[in-house]
């Protein structure tokens, strides 16, 4: 599956459950882990850990991704990640 599709799928899964942990969170996490080391997916991983309340782990993934959207709230963070996903 292309990276673009994987990013879109992960972000859609996160949004579908209104930023709550659950089966879609797990699926999105698996996608992010599959692309570990790629900045966009490390940033998605940060959002996922913020959603579950694991701020320490979220900070770790932000450092790896070179991002820090956490103070914006989940919907704005997701929008910022969607913007990252469409950059060439």
PDB file of N, CA and C in Angstrom:
ATOM      1  N   UNK A   1       0.853  -1.181   0.000  1.00  0.00           N
ATOM      2  CA  UNK A   1       0.000   0.000   0.000  1.00  0.00           C
ATOM      3  C   UNK A   1       0.892   1.236   0.000  1.00  0.00           C
ATOM      4  N   UNK A   2       0.601   2.221  -0.831  1.00  0.00           N
ATOM      5  CA  UNK A   2       1.425   3.435  -0.876  1.00  0.00           C
ATOM      6  C   UNK A   2       1.386   4.195   0.446  1.00  0.00           C
ATOM      7  N   UNK A   3       2.485   4.911   0.703  1.00  0.00           N
ATOM      8  CA  UNK A   3       2.594   5.677   1.942  1.00  0.00           C
ATOM      9  C   UNK A   3       1.435   6.662   2.073  1.00  0.00           C
ATOM     10  N   UNK A   4       1.087   7.362   0.991  1.00  0.00           N
ATOM     11  CA  UNK A   4      -0.002   8.340   1.040  1.00  0.00           C
ATOM     12  C   UNK A   4      -1.290   7.671   1.525  1.00  0.00           C
ATOM     13  N   UNK A   5      -1.614   6.528   0.966  1.00  0.00           N
ATOM     14  CA  UNK A   5      -2.826   5.817   1.363  1.00  0.00           C
ATOM     15  C   UNK A   5      -2.759   5.372   2.812  1.00  0.00           C
ATOM     16  N   UNK A   6      -1.603   4.900   3.249  1.00  0.00           N
ATOM     17  CA  UNK A   6      -1.455   4.473   4.638  1.00  0.00           C
ATOM     18  C   UNK A   6      -1.668   5.646   5.592  1.00  0.00           C
ATOM     19  N   UNK A   7      -1.100   6.801   5.269  1.00  0.00           N
ATOM     20  CA  UNK A   7      -1.270   7.975   6.129  1.00  0.00           C
ATOM     21  C   UNK A   7      -2.728   8.386   6.176  1.00  0.00           C
ATOM     22  N   UNK A   8      -3.368   8.453   5.012  1.00  0.00           N
ATOM     23  CA  UNK A   8      -4.787   8.822   4.970  1.00  0.00           C
ATOM     24  C   UNK A   8      -5.629   7.829   5.748  1.00  0.00           C
ATOM     25  N   UNK A   9      -5.336   6.558   5.584  1.00  0.00           N
ATOM     26  CA  UNK A   9      -6.102   5.533   6.291  1.00  0.00           C
ATOM     27  C   UNK A   9      -5.940   5.681   7.807  1.00  0.00           C
ATOM     28  N   UNK A  10      -4.723   5.854   8.266  1.00  0.00           N
ATOM     29  CA  UNK A  10      -4.489   6.003   9.702  1.00  0.00           C
ATOM     30  C   UNK A  10      -5.215   7.227  10.254  1.00  0.00           C
ATOM     31  N   UNK A  11      -5.128   8.341   9.544  1.00  0.00           N
ATOM     32  CA  UNK A  11      -5.781   9.568  10.007  1.00  0.00           C
ATOM     33  C   UNK A  11      -7.296   9.430   9.966  1.00  0.00           C
ATOM     34  N   UNK A  12      -7.827   8.766   8.958  1.00  0.00           N
ATOM     35  CA  UNK A  12      -9.276   8.524   8.899  1.00  0.00           C
ATOM     36  C   UNK A  12      -9.736   7.656  10.065  1.00  0.00           C
ATOM     37  N   UNK A  13      -8.959   6.633  10.393  1.00  0.00           N
ATOM     38  CA  UNK A  13      -9.311   5.754  11.511  1.00  0.00           C
ATOM     39  C   UNK A  13      -9.344   6.528  12.832  1.00  0.00           C
ATOM     40  N   UNK A  14      -8.379   7.401  13.023  1.00  0.00           N
ATOM     41  CA  UNK A  14      -8.325   8.209  14.244  1.00  0.00           C
ATOM     42  C   UNK A  14      -9.559   9.097  14.337  1.00  0.00           C
ATOM     43  N   UNK A  15      -9.904   9.722  13.233  1.00  0.00           N
ATOM     44  CA  UNK A  15     -11.032  10.662  13.214  1.00  0.00           C
ATOM     45  C   UNK A  15     -12.378   9.945  13.350  1.00  0.00           C
ATOM     46  N   UNK A  16     -12.476   8.744  12.795  1.00  0.00           N
ATOM     47  CA  UNK A  16     -13.733   7.987  12.807  1.00  0.00           C
ATOM     48  C   UNK A  16     -14.257   7.782  14.223  1.00  0.00           C
ATOM     49  N   UNK A  17     -13.385   7.510  15.146  1.00  0.00           N
ATOM     50  CA  UNK A  17     -13.802   7.255  16.528  1.00  0.00           C
ATOM     51  C   UNK A  17     -13.710   8.501  17.399  1.00  0.00           C
ATOM     52  N   UNK A  18     -13.732   9.673  16.769  1.00  0.00           N
ATOM     53  CA  UNK A  18     -13.739  10.947  17.500  1.00  0.00           C
ATOM     54  C   UNK A  18     -12.587  11.025  18.504  1.00  0.00           C
ATOM     55  N   UNK A  19     -11.403  10.594  18.043  1.00  0.00           N
ATOM     56  CA  UNK A  19     -10.181  10.725  18.845  1.00  0.00           C
ATOM     57  C   UNK A  19     -10.259   9.944  20.170  1.00  0.00           C
ATOM     58  N   UNK A  20     -10.805   8.741  20.093  1.00  0.00           N
ATOM     59  CA  UNK A  20     -10.914   7.882  21.270  1.00  0.00           C
ATOM     60  C   UNK A  20     -10.134   6.585  21.031  1.00  0.00           C
ATOM     61  N   UNK A  21      -9.518   6.036  22.088  1.00  0.00           N
ATOM     62  CA  UNK A  21      -8.871   4.727  21.942  1.00  0.00           C
ATOM     63  C   UNK A  21      -9.920   3.655  21.628  1.00  0.00           C
ATOM     64  N   UNK A  22      -9.513   2.640  20.929  1.00  0.00           N
ATOM     65  CA  UNK A  22     -10.398   1.532  20.579  1.00  0.00           C
ATOM     66  C   UNK A  22      -9.825   0.774  19.401  1.00  0.00           C
ATOM     67  N   UNK A  23     -10.644  -0.059  18.759  1.00  0.00           N
ATOM     68  CA  UNK A  23     -10.142  -0.880  17.643  1.00  0.00           C
ATOM     69  C   UNK A  23      -9.555  -0.050  16.500  1.00  0.00           C
ATOM     70  N   UNK A  24     -10.163   1.077  16.168  1.00  0.00           N
ATOM     71  CA  UNK A  24      -9.606   1.897  15.093  1.00  0.00           C
ATOM     72  C   UNK A  24      -8.295   2.545  15.516  1.00  0.00           C
ATOM     73  N   UNK A  25      -8.181   2.894  16.788  1.00  0.00           N
ATOM     74  CA  UNK A  25      -6.912   3.409  17.328  1.00  0.00           C
ATOM     75  C   UNK A  25      -5.837   2.348  17.120  1.00  0.00           C
ATOM     76  N   UNK A  26      -6.175   1.098  17.457  1.00  0.00           N
ATOM     77  CA  UNK A  26      -5.216  -0.006  17.312  1.00  0.00           C
ATOM     78  C   UNK A  26      -4.772  -0.164  15.861  1.00  0.00           C
ATOM     79  N   UNK A  27      -5.728  -0.098  14.934  1.00  0.00           N
ATOM     80  CA  UNK A  27      -5.386  -0.224  13.509  1.00  0.00           C
ATOM     81  C   UNK A  27      -4.486   0.919  13.059  1.00  0.00           C
ATOM     82  N   UNK A  28      -4.817   2.129  13.482  1.00  0.00           N
ATOM     83  CA  UNK A  28      -3.993   3.290  13.116  1.00  0.00           C
ATOM     84  C   UNK A  28      -2.590   3.147  13.703  1.00  0.00           C
ATOM     85  N   UNK A  29      -2.501   2.631  14.918  1.00  0.00           N
ATOM     86  CA  UNK A  29      -1.209   2.433  15.579  1.00  0.00           C
ATOM     87  C   UNK A  29      -0.369   1.414  14.818  1.00  0.00           C
ATOM     88  N   UNK A  30      -1.004   0.352  14.350  1.00  0.00           N
ATOM     89  CA  UNK A  30      -0.285  -0.659  13.561  1.00  0.00           C
ATOM     90  C   UNK A  30       0.282  -0.039  12.282  1.00  0.00           C
ATOM     91  N   UNK A  31      -0.510   0.806  11.634  1.00  0.00           N
ATOM     92  CA  UNK A  31      -0.041   1.470  10.418  1.00  0.00           C
ATOM     93  C   UNK A  31       1.161   2.356  10.731  1.00  0.00           C
ATOM     94  N   UNK A  32       1.048   3.155  11.789  1.00  0.00           N
ATOM     95  CA  UNK A  32       2.143   4.055  12.167  1.00  0.00           C
ATOM     96  C   UNK A  32       3.403   3.256  12.496  1.00  0.00           C
ATOM     97  N   UNK A  33       3.243   2.161  13.219  1.00  0.00           N
ATOM     98  CA  UNK A  33       4.402   1.336  13.576  1.00  0.00           C
ATOM     99  C   UNK A  33       5.049   0.710  12.349  1.00  0.00           C
ATOM    100  N   UNK A  34       4.233   0.363  11.360  1.00  0.00           N
ATOM    101  CA  UNK A  34       4.758  -0.235  10.128  1.00  0.00           C
ATOM    102  C   UNK A  34       5.697   0.733   9.404  1.00  0.00           C
ATOM    103  N   UNK A  35       5.474   2.028   9.590  1.00  0.00           N
ATOM    104  CA  UNK A  35       6.282   3.058   8.926  1.00  0.00           C
ATOM    105  C   UNK A  35       7.204   3.786   9.915  1.00  0.00           C
ATOM    106  N   UNK A  36       7.519   3.131  11.024  1.00  0.00           N
ATOM    107  CA  UNK A  36       8.377   3.761  12.036  1.00  0.00           C
ATOM    108  C   UNK A  36       9.648   4.303  11.391  1.00  0.00           C
ATOM    109  N   UNK A  37      10.014   5.514  11.789  1.00  0.00           N
ATOM    110  CA  UNK A  37      11.206   6.151  11.247  1.00  0.00           C
ATOM    111  C   UNK A  37      10.888   7.158  10.155  1.00  0.00           C
ATOM    112  N   UNK A  38       9.657   7.140   9.654  1.00  0.00           N
ATOM    113  CA  UNK A  38       9.208   8.138   8.677  1.00  0.00           C
ATOM    114  C   UNK A  38       8.517   9.243   9.476  1.00  0.00           C
ATOM    115  N   UNK A  39       8.934  10.484   9.274  1.00  0.00           N
ATOM    116  CA  UNK A  39       8.480  11.597  10.116  1.00  0.00           C
ATOM    117  C   UNK A  39       6.962  11.684  10.227  1.00  0.00           C
ATOM    118  N   UNK A  40       6.253  11.566   9.126  1.00  0.00           N
ATOM    119  CA  UNK A  40       4.792  11.677   9.173  1.00  0.00           C
ATOM    120  C   UNK A  40       4.193  10.623  10.088  1.00  0.00           C
ATOM    121  N   UNK A  41       4.648   9.406   9.981  1.00  0.00           N
ATOM    122  CA  UNK A  41       4.086   8.323  10.776  1.00  0.00           C
ATOM    123  C   UNK A  41       4.536   8.392  12.225  1.00  0.00           C
ATOM    124  N   UNK A  42       5.727   8.895  12.466  1.00  0.00           N
ATOM    125  CA  UNK A  42       6.144   9.121  13.852  1.00  0.00           C
ATOM    126  C   UNK A  42       5.273  10.209  14.479  1.00  0.00           C
ATOM    127  N   UNK A  43       4.905  11.236  13.694  1.00  0.00           N
ATOM    128  CA  UNK A  43       4.009  12.285  14.195  1.00  0.00           C
ATOM    129  C   UNK A  43       2.604  11.733  14.433  1.00  0.00           C
ATOM    130  N   UNK A  44       2.142  10.834  13.569  1.00  0.00           N
ATOM    131  CA  UNK A  44       0.848  10.175  13.793  1.00  0.00           C
ATOM    132  C   UNK A  44       0.908   9.363  15.076  1.00  0.00           C
ATOM    133  N   UNK A  45       2.015   8.693  15.296  1.00  0.00           N
ATOM    134  CA  UNK A  45       2.197   7.921  16.528  1.00  0.00           C
ATOM    135  C   UNK A  45       2.118   8.843  17.750  1.00  0.00           C
ATOM    136  N   UNK A  46       2.686  10.035  17.647  1.00  0.00           N
ATOM    137  CA  UNK A  46       2.607  10.996  18.754  1.00  0.00           C
ATOM    138  C   UNK A  46       1.158  11.339  19.054  1.00  0.00           C
ATOM    139  N   UNK A  47       0.367  11.622  18.021  1.00  0.00           N
ATOM    140  CA  UNK A  47      -1.050  11.920  18.215  1.00  0.00           C
ATOM    141  C   UNK A  47      -1.757  10.745  18.877  1.00  0.00           C
ATOM    142  N   UNK A  48      -1.493   9.557  18.407  1.00  0.00           N
ATOM    143  CA  UNK A  48      -2.137   8.372  18.983  1.00  0.00           C
ATOM    144  C   UNK A  48      -1.845   8.257  20.475  1.00  0.00           C
ATOM    145  N   UNK A  49      -0.620   8.512  20.866  1.00  0.00           N
ATOM    146  CA  UNK A  49      -0.287   8.391  22.288  1.00  0.00           C
ATOM    147  C   UNK A  49      -0.858   9.551  23.100  1.00  0.00           C
ATOM    148  N   UNK A  50      -1.012  10.710  22.482  1.00  0.00           N
ATOM    149  CA  UNK A  50      -1.715  11.803  23.169  1.00  0.00           C
ATOM    150  C   UNK A  50      -3.169  11.432  23.410  1.00  0.00           C
ATOM    151  N   UNK A  51      -3.787  10.801  22.421  1.00  0.00           N
ATOM    152  CA  UNK A  51      -5.186  10.379  22.539  1.00  0.00           C
ATOM    153  C   UNK A  51      -5.365   9.433  23.717  1.00  0.00           C
ATOM    154  N   UNK A  52      -4.423   8.529  23.910  1.00  0.00           N
ATOM    155  CA  UNK A  52      -4.561   7.574  25.008  1.00  0.00           C
ATOM    156  C   UNK A  52      -4.050   8.143  26.335  1.00  0.00           C
ATOM    157  N   UNK A  53      -3.563   9.378  26.302  1.00  0.00           N
ATOM    158  CA  UNK A  53      -3.127  10.021  27.538  1.00  0.00           C
ATOM    159  C   UNK A  53      -1.692   9.739  27.927  1.00  0.00           C
ATOM    160  N   UNK A  54      -0.923   9.112  27.049  1.00  0.00           N
ATOM    161  CA  UNK A  54       0.480   8.800  27.327  1.00  0.00           C
ATOM    162  C   UNK A  54       1.350   9.931  26.772  1.00  0.00           C
ATOM    163  N   UNK A  55       1.413  11.030  27.528  1.00  0.00           N
ATOM    164  CA  UNK A  55       2.095  12.232  27.045  1.00  0.00           C
ATOM    165  C   UNK A  55       3.601  12.062  26.945  1.00  0.00           C
ATOM    166  N   UNK A  56       4.172  11.242  27.805  1.00  0.00           N
ATOM    167  CA  UNK A  56       5.604  10.987  27.746  1.00  0.00           C
ATOM    168  C   UNK A  56       5.966  10.285  26.427  1.00  0.00           C
ATOM    169  N   UNK A  57       5.198   9.279  26.083  1.00  0.00           N
ATOM    170  CA  UNK A  57       5.439   8.560  24.835  1.00  0.00           C
ATOM    171  C   UNK A  57       5.149   9.468  23.639  1.00  0.00           C
ATOM    172  N   UNK A  58       4.119  10.297  23.730  1.00  0.00           N
ATOM    173  CA  UNK A  58       3.814  11.248  22.654  1.00  0.00           C
ATOM    174  C   UNK A  58       4.995  12.186  22.432  1.00  0.00           C
ATOM    175  N   UNK A  59       5.599  12.660  23.505  1.00  0.00           N
ATOM    176  CA  UNK A  59       6.759  13.551  23.390  1.00  0.00           C
ATOM    177  C   UNK A  59       7.924  12.856  22.702  1.00  0.00           C
ATOM    178  N   UNK A  60       8.115  11.594  23.020  1.00  0.00           N
ATOM    179  CA  UNK A  60       9.172  10.808  22.378  1.00  0.00           C
ATOM    180  C   UNK A  60       8.965  10.787  20.859  1.00  0.00           C
ATOM    181  N   UNK A  61       7.730  10.494  20.429  1.00  0.00           N
ATOM    182  CA  UNK A  61       7.449  10.412  18.997  1.00  0.00           C
ATOM    183  C   UNK A  61       7.524  11.781  18.342  1.00  0.00           C
ATOM    184  N   UNK A  62       7.122  12.834  19.061  1.00  0.00           N
ATOM    185  CA  UNK A  62       7.284  14.189  18.523  1.00  0.00           C
ATOM    186  C   UNK A  62       8.755  14.495  18.264  1.00  0.00           C
ATOM    187  N   UNK A  63       9.614  14.131  19.207  1.00  0.00           N
ATOM    188  CA  UNK A  63      11.051  14.375  19.024  1.00  0.00           C
ATOM    189  C   UNK A  63      11.569  13.622  17.802  1.00  0.00           C
ATOM    190  N   UNK A  64      11.144  12.392  17.648  1.00  0.00           N
ATOM    191  CA  UNK A  64      11.579  11.605  16.486  1.00  0.00           C
ATOM    192  C   UNK A  64      11.092  12.215  15.186  1.00  0.00           C
ATOM    193  N   UNK A  65       9.865  12.755  15.191  1.00  0.00           N
ATOM    194  CA  UNK A  65       9.270  13.309  13.975  1.00  0.00           C
ATOM    195  C   UNK A  65       9.700  14.745  13.709  1.00  0.00           C
ATOM    196  N   UNK A  66      10.219  15.415  14.745  1.00  0.00           N
ATOM    197  CA  UNK A  66      10.552  16.824  14.609  1.00  0.00           C
ATOM    198  C   UNK A  66       9.315  17.700  14.603  1.00  0.00           C
ATOM    199  N   UNK A  67       8.268  17.244  15.278  1.00  0.00           N
ATOM    200  CA  UNK A  67       7.000  17.973  15.330  1.00  0.00           C
ATOM    201  C   UNK A  67       6.569  18.167  16.774  1.00  0.00           C
ATOM    202  N   UNK A  68       5.617  19.060  16.955  1.00  0.00           N
ATOM    203  CA  UNK A  68       4.978  19.212  18.259  1.00  0.00           C
ATOM    204  C   UNK A  68       3.673  19.964  18.063  1.00  0.00           C
ATOM    205  N   UNK A  69       2.653  19.211  17.662  1.00  0.00           N
ATOM    206  CA  UNK A  69       1.334  19.786  17.430  1.00  0.00           C
ATOM    207  C   UNK A  69       0.417  19.591  18.635  1.00  0.00           C
ATOM    208  N   UNK A  70       0.917  18.992  19.690  1.00  0.00           N
ATOM    209  CA  UNK A  70       0.092  18.565  20.812  1.00  0.00           C
ATOM    210  C   UNK A  70      -0.708  19.651  21.496  1.00  0.00           C
ATOM    211  N   UNK A  71      -0.201  20.878  21.537  1.00  0.00           N
ATOM    212  CA  UNK A  71      -0.920  21.933  22.232  1.00  0.00           C
ATOM    213  C   UNK A  71      -2.106  22.475  21.461  1.00  0.00           C
ATOM    214  N   UNK A  72      -2.275  22.040  20.226  1.00  0.00           N
ATOM    215  CA  UNK A  72      -3.333  22.569  19.366  1.00  0.00           C
ATOM    216  C   UNK A  72      -4.667  21.854  19.563  1.00  0.00           C
ATOM    217  N   UNK A  73      -4.668  20.723  20.225  1.00  0.00           N
ATOM    218  CA  UNK A  73      -5.873  19.893  20.345  1.00  0.00           C
ATOM    219  C   UNK A  73      -5.893  18.859  19.231  1.00  0.00           C
ATOM    220  N   UNK A  74      -6.564  17.764  19.491  1.00  0.00           N
ATOM    221  CA  UNK A  74      -6.541  16.639  18.542  1.00  0.00           C
ATOM    222  C   UNK A  74      -7.040  16.994  17.140  1.00  0.00           C
ATOM    223  N   UNK A  75      -8.175  17.697  16.985  1.00  0.00           N
ATOM    224  CA  UNK A  75      -8.626  17.996  15.617  1.00  0.00           C
ATOM    225  C   UNK A  75      -7.630  18.855  14.827  1.00  0.00           C
ATOM    226  N   UNK A  76      -7.040  19.841  15.470  1.00  0.00           N
ATOM    227  CA  UNK A  76      -6.064  20.689  14.769  1.00  0.00           C
ATOM    228  C   UNK A  76      -4.784  19.918  14.479  1.00  0.00           C
ATOM    229  N   UNK A  77      -4.403  19.062  15.408  1.00  0.00           N
ATOM    230  CA  UNK A  77      -3.216  18.237  15.170  1.00  0.00           C
ATOM    231  C   UNK A  77      -3.454  17.319  13.969  1.00  0.00           C
ATOM    232  N   UNK A  78      -4.629  16.719  13.900  1.00  0.00           N
ATOM    233  CA  UNK A  78      -4.944  15.859  12.776  1.00  0.00           C
ATOM    234  C   UNK A  78      -4.918  16.656  11.477  1.00  0.00           C
ATOM    235  N   UNK A  79      -5.450  17.870  11.481  1.00  0.00           N
ATOM    236  CA  UNK A  79      -5.434  18.711  10.272  1.00  0.00           C
ATOM    237  C   UNK A  79      -3.998  19.028   9.855  1.00  0.00           C
ATOM    238  N   UNK A  80      -3.134  19.297  10.825  1.00  0.00           N
ATOM    239  CA  UNK A  80      -1.724  19.571  10.521  1.00  0.00           C
ATOM    240  C   UNK A  80      -1.058  18.332   9.919  1.00  0.00           C
ATOM    241  N   UNK A  81      -1.408  17.156  10.425  1.00  0.00           N
ATOM    242  CA  UNK A  81      -0.849  15.918   9.889  1.00  0.00           C
ATOM    243  C   UNK A  81      -1.356  15.661   8.478  1.00  0.00           C
ATOM    244  N   UNK A  82      -2.607  15.974   8.224  1.00  0.00           N
ATOM    245  CA  UNK A  82      -3.133  15.834   6.854  1.00  0.00           C
ATOM    246  C   UNK A  82      -2.354  16.761   5.907  1.00  0.00           C
ATOM    247  N   UNK A  83      -2.013  17.958   6.375  1.00  0.00           N
ATOM    248  CA  UNK A  83      -1.227  18.872   5.552  1.00  0.00           C
ATOM    249  C   UNK A  83       0.153  18.302   5.273  1.00  0.00           C
ATOM    250  N   UNK A  84       0.758  17.696   6.286  1.00  0.00           N
ATOM    251  CA  UNK A  84       2.061  17.049   6.088  1.00  0.00           C
ATOM    252  C   UNK A  84       1.952  15.924   5.058  1.00  0.00           C
ATOM    253  N   UNK A  85       0.838  15.224   5.065  1.00  0.00           N
ATOM    254  CA  UNK A  85       0.667  14.057   4.193  1.00  0.00           C
ATOM    255  C   UNK A  85       0.582  14.445   2.717  1.00  0.00           C
ATOM    256  N   UNK A  86       0.137  15.653   2.423  1.00  0.00           N
ATOM    257  CA  UNK A  86      -0.013  16.029   1.019  1.00  0.00           C
ATOM    258  C   UNK A  86       1.192  16.746   0.452  1.00  0.00           C
ATOM    259  N   UNK A  87       2.183  17.063   1.277  1.00  0.00           N
ATOM    260  CA  UNK A  87       3.393  17.712   0.781  1.00  0.00           C
ATOM    261  C   UNK A  87       4.196  16.722  -0.037  1.00  0.00           C
ATOM    262  N   UNK A  88       4.753  17.173  -1.178  1.00  0.00           N
ATOM    263  CA  UNK A  88       5.549  16.264  -2.019  1.00  0.00           C
ATOM    264  C   UNK A  88       6.840  15.834  -1.362  1.00  0.00           C
TER     265      UNK A  88
END
